[in-house]
């Protein structure tokens, strides 16, 4: 799918740069509306970070054995 040529914010129709990447909500925004809090992003960042933290916390931490002298 080809990205749109204009910002997907409802009141903004700025042209997008060639290097513009999509947000985690799968929409494309200009530099002004790019941050998640500026375009009411629907992606659950807090939940994603909680799941990522849970994955790392579930790994068991095992120290290396020290060889006796």
PDB file of N, CA and C in Angstrom:
ATOM      1  N   UNK A   1       0.836  -1.180   0.000  1.00  0.00           N
ATOM      2  CA  UNK A   1       0.000   0.000   0.000  1.00  0.00           C
ATOM      3  C   UNK A   1       0.881   1.244   0.000  1.00  0.00           C
ATOM      4  N   UNK A   2       0.586   2.169  -0.850  1.00  0.00           N
ATOM      5  CA  UNK A   2       1.359   3.402  -0.957  1.00  0.00           C
ATOM      6  C   UNK A   2       0.882   4.410   0.086  1.00  0.00           C
ATOM      7  N   UNK A   3       1.816   5.082   0.775  1.00  0.00           N
ATOM      8  CA  UNK A   3       1.397   6.069   1.775  1.00  0.00           C
ATOM      9  C   UNK A   3       0.704   7.261   1.117  1.00  0.00           C
ATOM     10  N   UNK A   4      -0.189   7.919   1.851  1.00  0.00           N
ATOM     11  CA  UNK A   4      -0.878   9.082   1.290  1.00  0.00           C
ATOM     12  C   UNK A   4       0.088  10.243   1.083  1.00  0.00           C
ATOM     13  N   UNK A   5      -0.289  11.190   0.268  1.00  0.00           N
ATOM     14  CA  UNK A   5       0.563  12.338  -0.014  1.00  0.00           C
ATOM     15  C   UNK A   5       0.328  13.483   0.963  1.00  0.00           C
ATOM     16  N   UNK A   6      -0.748  13.404   1.737  1.00  0.00           N
ATOM     17  CA  UNK A   6      -1.094  14.467   2.676  1.00  0.00           C
ATOM     18  C   UNK A   6      -1.297  13.892   4.081  1.00  0.00           C
ATOM     19  N   UNK A   7      -1.164  14.780   5.076  1.00  0.00           N
ATOM     20  CA  UNK A   7      -1.349  14.417   6.485  1.00  0.00           C
ATOM     21  C   UNK A   7      -2.768  13.893   6.698  1.00  0.00           C
ATOM     22  N   UNK A   8      -2.916  12.856   7.526  1.00  0.00           N
ATOM     23  CA  UNK A   8      -4.225  12.251   7.756  1.00  0.00           C
ATOM     24  C   UNK A   8      -4.980  12.848   8.946  1.00  0.00           C
ATOM     25  N   UNK A   9      -4.452  13.914   9.547  1.00  0.00           N
ATOM     26  CA  UNK A   9      -5.184  14.629  10.594  1.00  0.00           C
ATOM     27  C   UNK A   9      -6.382  15.313   9.950  1.00  0.00           C
ATOM     28  N   UNK A  10      -7.506  15.357  10.645  1.00  0.00           N
ATOM     29  CA  UNK A  10      -8.756  15.822  10.032  1.00  0.00           C
ATOM     30  C   UNK A  10      -8.691  17.259   9.518  1.00  0.00           C
ATOM     31  N   UNK A  11      -8.053  18.172  10.237  1.00  0.00           N
ATOM     32  CA  UNK A  11      -8.023  19.579   9.815  1.00  0.00           C
ATOM     33  C   UNK A  11      -6.741  19.970   9.101  1.00  0.00           C
ATOM     34  N   UNK A  12      -5.810  19.068   8.949  1.00  0.00           N
ATOM     35  CA  UNK A  12      -4.508  19.380   8.353  1.00  0.00           C
ATOM     36  C   UNK A  12      -4.374  18.669   7.012  1.00  0.00           C
ATOM     37  N   UNK A  13      -3.971  19.394   6.016  1.00  0.00           N
ATOM     38  CA  UNK A  13      -3.770  18.795   4.697  1.00  0.00           C
ATOM     39  C   UNK A  13      -2.376  19.123   4.154  1.00  0.00           C
ATOM     40  N   UNK A  14      -1.383  19.167   5.060  1.00  0.00           N
ATOM     41  CA  UNK A  14      -0.009  19.436   4.634  1.00  0.00           C
ATOM     42  C   UNK A  14       0.527  18.271   3.820  1.00  0.00           C
ATOM     43  N   UNK A  15       1.415  18.602   2.885  1.00  0.00           N
ATOM     44  CA  UNK A  15       2.070  17.551   2.111  1.00  0.00           C
ATOM     45  C   UNK A  15       3.068  16.824   3.007  1.00  0.00           C
ATOM     46  N   UNK A  16       3.168  15.529   2.813  1.00  0.00           N
ATOM     47  CA  UNK A  16       4.107  14.727   3.591  1.00  0.00           C
ATOM     48  C   UNK A  16       5.440  14.640   2.868  1.00  0.00           C
ATOM     49  N   UNK A  17       6.521  14.596   3.630  1.00  0.00           N
ATOM     50  CA  UNK A  17       7.856  14.440   3.067  1.00  0.00           C
ATOM     51  C   UNK A  17       8.038  13.003   2.586  1.00  0.00           C
ATOM     52  N   UNK A  18       9.014  12.796   1.748  1.00  0.00           N
ATOM     53  CA  UNK A  18       9.280  11.449   1.238  1.00  0.00           C
ATOM     54  C   UNK A  18       9.698  10.487   2.344  1.00  0.00           C
ATOM     55  N   UNK A  19      10.318  11.016   3.385  1.00  0.00           N
ATOM     56  CA  UNK A  19      10.842  10.172   4.458  1.00  0.00           C
ATOM     57  C   UNK A  19       9.849   9.972   5.597  1.00  0.00           C
ATOM     58  N   UNK A  20       8.627  10.422   5.451  1.00  0.00           N
ATOM     59  CA  UNK A  20       7.627  10.286   6.505  1.00  0.00           C
ATOM     60  C   UNK A  20       7.304   8.811   6.737  1.00  0.00           C
ATOM     61  N   UNK A  21       7.293   8.421   8.000  1.00  0.00           N
ATOM     62  CA  UNK A  21       6.951   7.035   8.329  1.00  0.00           C
ATOM     63  C   UNK A  21       5.601   7.003   9.040  1.00  0.00           C
ATOM     64  N   UNK A  22       5.022   5.826   9.107  1.00  0.00           N
ATOM     65  CA  UNK A  22       3.696   5.713   9.713  1.00  0.00           C
ATOM     66  C   UNK A  22       3.807   5.629  11.229  1.00  0.00           C
ATOM     67  N   UNK A  23       2.733   6.010  11.871  1.00  0.00           N
ATOM     68  CA  UNK A  23       2.627   5.897  13.318  1.00  0.00           C
ATOM     69  C   UNK A  23       2.255   4.447  13.637  1.00  0.00           C
ATOM     70  N   UNK A  24       2.278   4.073  14.900  1.00  0.00           N
ATOM     71  CA  UNK A  24       1.886   2.710  15.275  1.00  0.00           C
ATOM     72  C   UNK A  24       0.395   2.475  15.088  1.00  0.00           C
ATOM     73  N   UNK A  25      -0.376   3.547  14.878  1.00  0.00           N
ATOM     74  CA  UNK A  25      -1.808   3.391  14.596  1.00  0.00           C
ATOM     75  C   UNK A  25      -2.038   3.230  13.094  1.00  0.00           C
ATOM     76  N   UNK A  26      -0.966   3.058  12.325  1.00  0.00           N
ATOM     77  CA  UNK A  26      -1.004   2.776  10.878  1.00  0.00           C
ATOM     78  C   UNK A  26      -1.478   3.953  10.029  1.00  0.00           C
ATOM     79  N   UNK A  27      -1.317   5.185  10.533  1.00  0.00           N
ATOM     80  CA  UNK A  27      -1.664   6.374   9.764  1.00  0.00           C
ATOM     81  C   UNK A  27      -0.415   7.222   9.579  1.00  0.00           C
ATOM     82  N   UNK A  28      -0.456   8.113   8.588  1.00  0.00           N
ATOM     83  CA  UNK A  28       0.671   8.982   8.279  1.00  0.00           C
ATOM     84  C   UNK A  28       0.333  10.417   8.659  1.00  0.00           C
ATOM     85  N   UNK A  29       1.284  11.102   9.327  1.00  0.00           N
ATOM     86  CA  UNK A  29       1.059  12.466   9.777  1.00  0.00           C
ATOM     87  C   UNK A  29       2.257  13.345   9.447  1.00  0.00           C
ATOM     88  N   UNK A  30       2.007  14.656   9.370  1.00  0.00           N
ATOM     89  CA  UNK A  30       3.083  15.618   9.141  1.00  0.00           C
ATOM     90  C   UNK A  30       3.896  15.737  10.431  1.00  0.00           C
ATOM     91  N   UNK A  31       4.958  16.541  10.405  1.00  0.00           N
ATOM     92  CA  UNK A  31       5.830  16.680  11.566  1.00  0.00           C
ATOM     93  C   UNK A  31       5.082  17.272  12.762  1.00  0.00           C
ATOM     94  N   UNK A  32       4.123  18.145  12.502  1.00  0.00           N
ATOM     95  CA  UNK A  32       3.371  18.781  13.586  1.00  0.00           C
ATOM     96  C   UNK A  32       2.467  17.781  14.304  1.00  0.00           C
ATOM     97  N   UNK A  33       1.851  16.865  13.583  1.00  0.00           N
ATOM     98  CA  UNK A  33       0.909  15.915  14.166  1.00  0.00           C
ATOM     99  C   UNK A  33       1.508  14.527  14.374  1.00  0.00           C
ATOM    100  N   UNK A  34       2.796  14.366  14.145  1.00  0.00           N
ATOM    101  CA  UNK A  34       3.444  13.065  14.258  1.00  0.00           C
ATOM    102  C   UNK A  34       3.429  12.446  15.642  1.00  0.00           C
ATOM    103  N   UNK A  35       3.731  13.226  16.711  1.00  0.00           N
ATOM    104  CA  UNK A  35       3.706  12.627  18.046  1.00  0.00           C
ATOM    105  C   UNK A  35       2.317  12.100  18.407  1.00  0.00           C
ATOM    106  N   UNK A  36       2.280  11.005  19.124  1.00  0.00           N
ATOM    107  CA  UNK A  36       1.014  10.326  19.426  1.00  0.00           C
ATOM    108  C   UNK A  36       0.024  11.224  20.162  1.00  0.00           C
ATOM    109  N   UNK A  37       0.502  12.050  21.074  1.00  0.00           N
ATOM    110  CA  UNK A  37      -0.417  12.898  21.833  1.00  0.00           C
ATOM    111  C   UNK A  37      -0.987  14.045  20.994  1.00  0.00           C
ATOM    112  N   UNK A  38      -0.394  14.323  19.841  1.00  0.00           N
ATOM    113  CA  UNK A  38      -0.883  15.400  18.975  1.00  0.00           C
ATOM    114  C   UNK A  38      -1.969  14.948  18.004  1.00  0.00           C
ATOM    115  N   UNK A  39      -2.149  13.660  17.802  1.00  0.00           N
ATOM    116  CA  UNK A  39      -3.188  13.208  16.878  1.00  0.00           C
ATOM    117  C   UNK A  39      -4.135  12.178  17.496  1.00  0.00           C
ATOM    118  N   UNK A  40      -4.208  12.137  18.805  1.00  0.00           N
ATOM    119  CA  UNK A  40      -5.107  11.207  19.510  1.00  0.00           C
ATOM    120  C   UNK A  40      -4.925   9.779  19.008  1.00  0.00           C
ATOM    121  N   UNK A  41      -3.713   9.292  19.133  1.00  0.00           N
ATOM    122  CA  UNK A  41      -3.351   7.966  18.642  1.00  0.00           C
ATOM    123  C   UNK A  41      -4.176   6.885  19.341  1.00  0.00           C
ATOM    124  N   UNK A  42      -4.607   5.900  18.577  1.00  0.00           N
ATOM    125  CA  UNK A  42      -5.422   4.817  19.124  1.00  0.00           C
ATOM    126  C   UNK A  42      -4.579   3.641  19.607  1.00  0.00           C
ATOM    127  N   UNK A  43      -3.269   3.675  19.364  1.00  0.00           N
ATOM    128  CA  UNK A  43      -2.389   2.589  19.793  1.00  0.00           C
ATOM    129  C   UNK A  43      -2.201   2.657  21.303  1.00  0.00           C
ATOM    130  N   UNK A  44      -2.219   1.521  21.975  1.00  0.00           N
ATOM    131  CA  UNK A  44      -2.090   1.450  23.428  1.00  0.00           C
ATOM    132  C   UNK A  44      -0.610   1.337  23.807  1.00  0.00           C
ATOM    133  N   UNK A  45       0.065   2.485  23.938  1.00  0.00           N
ATOM    134  CA  UNK A  45       1.485   2.489  24.268  1.00  0.00           C
ATOM    135  C   UNK A  45       1.731   1.940  25.668  1.00  0.00           C
ATOM    136  N   UNK A  46       0.901   2.317  26.624  1.00  0.00           N
ATOM    137  CA  UNK A  46       1.081   1.863  28.006  1.00  0.00           C
ATOM    138  C   UNK A  46       0.953   0.344  28.100  1.00  0.00           C
ATOM    139  N   UNK A  47      -0.034  -0.212  27.432  1.00  0.00           N
ATOM    140  CA  UNK A  47      -0.221  -1.664  27.438  1.00  0.00           C
ATOM    141  C   UNK A  47       0.923  -2.385  26.751  1.00  0.00           C
ATOM    142  N   UNK A  48       1.417  -1.817  25.650  1.00  0.00           N
ATOM    143  CA  UNK A  48       2.543  -2.416  24.928  1.00  0.00           C
ATOM    144  C   UNK A  48       3.794  -2.449  25.800  1.00  0.00           C
ATOM    145  N   UNK A  49       4.063  -1.339  26.504  1.00  0.00           N
ATOM    146  CA  UNK A  49       5.232  -1.302  27.383  1.00  0.00           C
ATOM    147  C   UNK A  49       5.064  -2.260  28.559  1.00  0.00           C
ATOM    148  N   UNK A  50       3.855  -2.394  29.071  1.00  0.00           N
ATOM    149  CA  UNK A  50       3.609  -3.327  30.172  1.00  0.00           C
ATOM    150  C   UNK A  50       3.855  -4.763  29.724  1.00  0.00           C
ATOM    151  N   UNK A  51       3.399  -5.118  28.516  1.00  0.00           N
ATOM    152  CA  UNK A  51       3.635  -6.477  27.999  1.00  0.00           C
ATOM    153  C   UNK A  51       5.126  -6.724  27.781  1.00  0.00           C
ATOM    154  N   UNK A  52       5.822  -5.720  27.264  1.00  0.00           N
ATOM    155  CA  UNK A  52       7.260  -5.858  27.030  1.00  0.00           C
ATOM    156  C   UNK A  52       8.012  -6.016  28.351  1.00  0.00           C
ATOM    157  N   UNK A  53       7.627  -5.233  29.351  1.00  0.00           N
ATOM    158  CA  UNK A  53       8.248  -5.325  30.665  1.00  0.00           C
ATOM    159  C   UNK A  53       7.960  -6.680  31.301  1.00  0.00           C
ATOM    160  N   UNK A  54       6.742  -7.161  31.152  1.00  0.00           N
ATOM    161  CA  UNK A  54       6.370  -8.465  31.707  1.00  0.00           C
ATOM    162  C   UNK A  54       7.215  -9.580  31.088  1.00  0.00           C
ATOM    163  N   UNK A  55       7.467  -9.484  29.776  1.00  0.00           N
ATOM    164  CA  UNK A  55       8.300 -10.493  29.105  1.00  0.00           C
ATOM    165  C   UNK A  55       9.708 -10.515  29.673  1.00  0.00           C
ATOM    166  N   UNK A  56      10.290  -9.324  29.881  1.00  0.00           N
ATOM    167  CA  UNK A  56      11.661  -9.273  30.380  1.00  0.00           C
ATOM    168  C   UNK A  56      11.733  -9.672  31.851  1.00  0.00           C
ATOM    169  N   UNK A  57      10.684  -9.388  32.622  1.00  0.00           N
ATOM    170  CA  UNK A  57      10.694  -9.737  34.039  1.00  0.00           C
ATOM    171  C   UNK A  57      10.491 -11.235  34.255  1.00  0.00           C
ATOM    172  N   UNK A  58       9.862 -11.919  33.315  1.00  0.00           N
ATOM    173  CA  UNK A  58       9.621 -13.351  33.461  1.00  0.00           C
ATOM    174  C   UNK A  58      10.862 -14.192  33.184  1.00  0.00           C
ATOM    175  N   UNK A  59      11.841 -13.611  32.529  1.00  0.00           N
ATOM    176  CA  UNK A  59      13.066 -14.366  32.261  1.00  0.00           C
ATOM    177  C   UNK A  59      13.817 -14.561  33.569  1.00  0.00           C
ATOM    178  N   UNK A  60      14.298 -15.762  33.791  1.00  0.00           N
ATOM    179  CA  UNK A  60      15.039 -16.010  35.019  1.00  0.00           C
ATOM    180  C   UNK A  60      16.463 -15.493  34.868  1.00  0.00           C
ATOM    181  N   UNK A  61      16.951 -14.900  35.931  1.00  0.00           N
ATOM    182  CA  UNK A  61      18.300 -14.349  35.931  1.00  0.00           C
ATOM    183  C   UNK A  61      19.195 -15.346  36.651  1.00  0.00           C
ATOM    184  N   UNK A  62      20.154 -15.869  35.927  1.00  0.00           N
ATOM    185  CA  UNK A  62      21.061 -16.868  36.480  1.00  0.00           C
ATOM    186  C   UNK A  62      22.481 -16.322  36.378  1.00  0.00           C
ATOM    187  N   UNK A  63      23.133 -16.221  37.520  1.00  0.00           N
ATOM    188  CA  UNK A  63      24.499 -15.716  37.546  1.00  0.00           C
ATOM    189  C   UNK A  63      25.455 -16.799  37.058  1.00  0.00           C
ATOM    190  N   UNK A  64      26.575 -16.359  36.505  1.00  0.00           N
ATOM    191  CA  UNK A  64      27.589 -17.308  36.049  1.00  0.00           C
ATOM    192  C   UNK A  64      28.288 -17.925  37.255  1.00  0.00           C
ATOM    193  N   UNK A  65      28.637 -19.180  37.125  1.00  0.00           N
ATOM    194  CA  UNK A  65      29.358 -19.861  38.196  1.00  0.00           C
ATOM    195  C   UNK A  65      30.797 -19.354  38.229  1.00  0.00           C
ATOM    196  N   UNK A  66      31.335 -19.240  39.422  1.00  0.00           N
ATOM    197  CA  UNK A  66      32.719 -18.816  39.587  1.00  0.00           C
ATOM    198  C   UNK A  66      33.571 -20.071  39.730  1.00  0.00           C
ATOM    199  N   UNK A  67      34.599 -20.164  38.904  1.00  0.00           N
ATOM    200  CA  UNK A  67      35.498 -21.318  38.973  1.00  0.00           C
ATOM    201  C   UNK A  67      36.353 -21.237  40.234  1.00  0.00           C
ATOM    202  N   UNK A  68      36.448 -22.344  40.976  1.00  0.00           N
ATOM    203  CA  UNK A  68      37.306 -22.337  42.171  1.00  0.00           C
ATOM    204  C   UNK A  68      38.785 -22.292  41.769  1.00  0.00           C
ATOM    205  N   UNK A  69      39.575 -21.691  42.599  1.00  0.00           N
ATOM    206  CA  UNK A  69      41.013 -21.567  42.305  1.00  0.00           C
ATOM    207  C   UNK A  69      41.748 -22.826  42.693  1.00  0.00           C
TER     208      UNK A  69
END
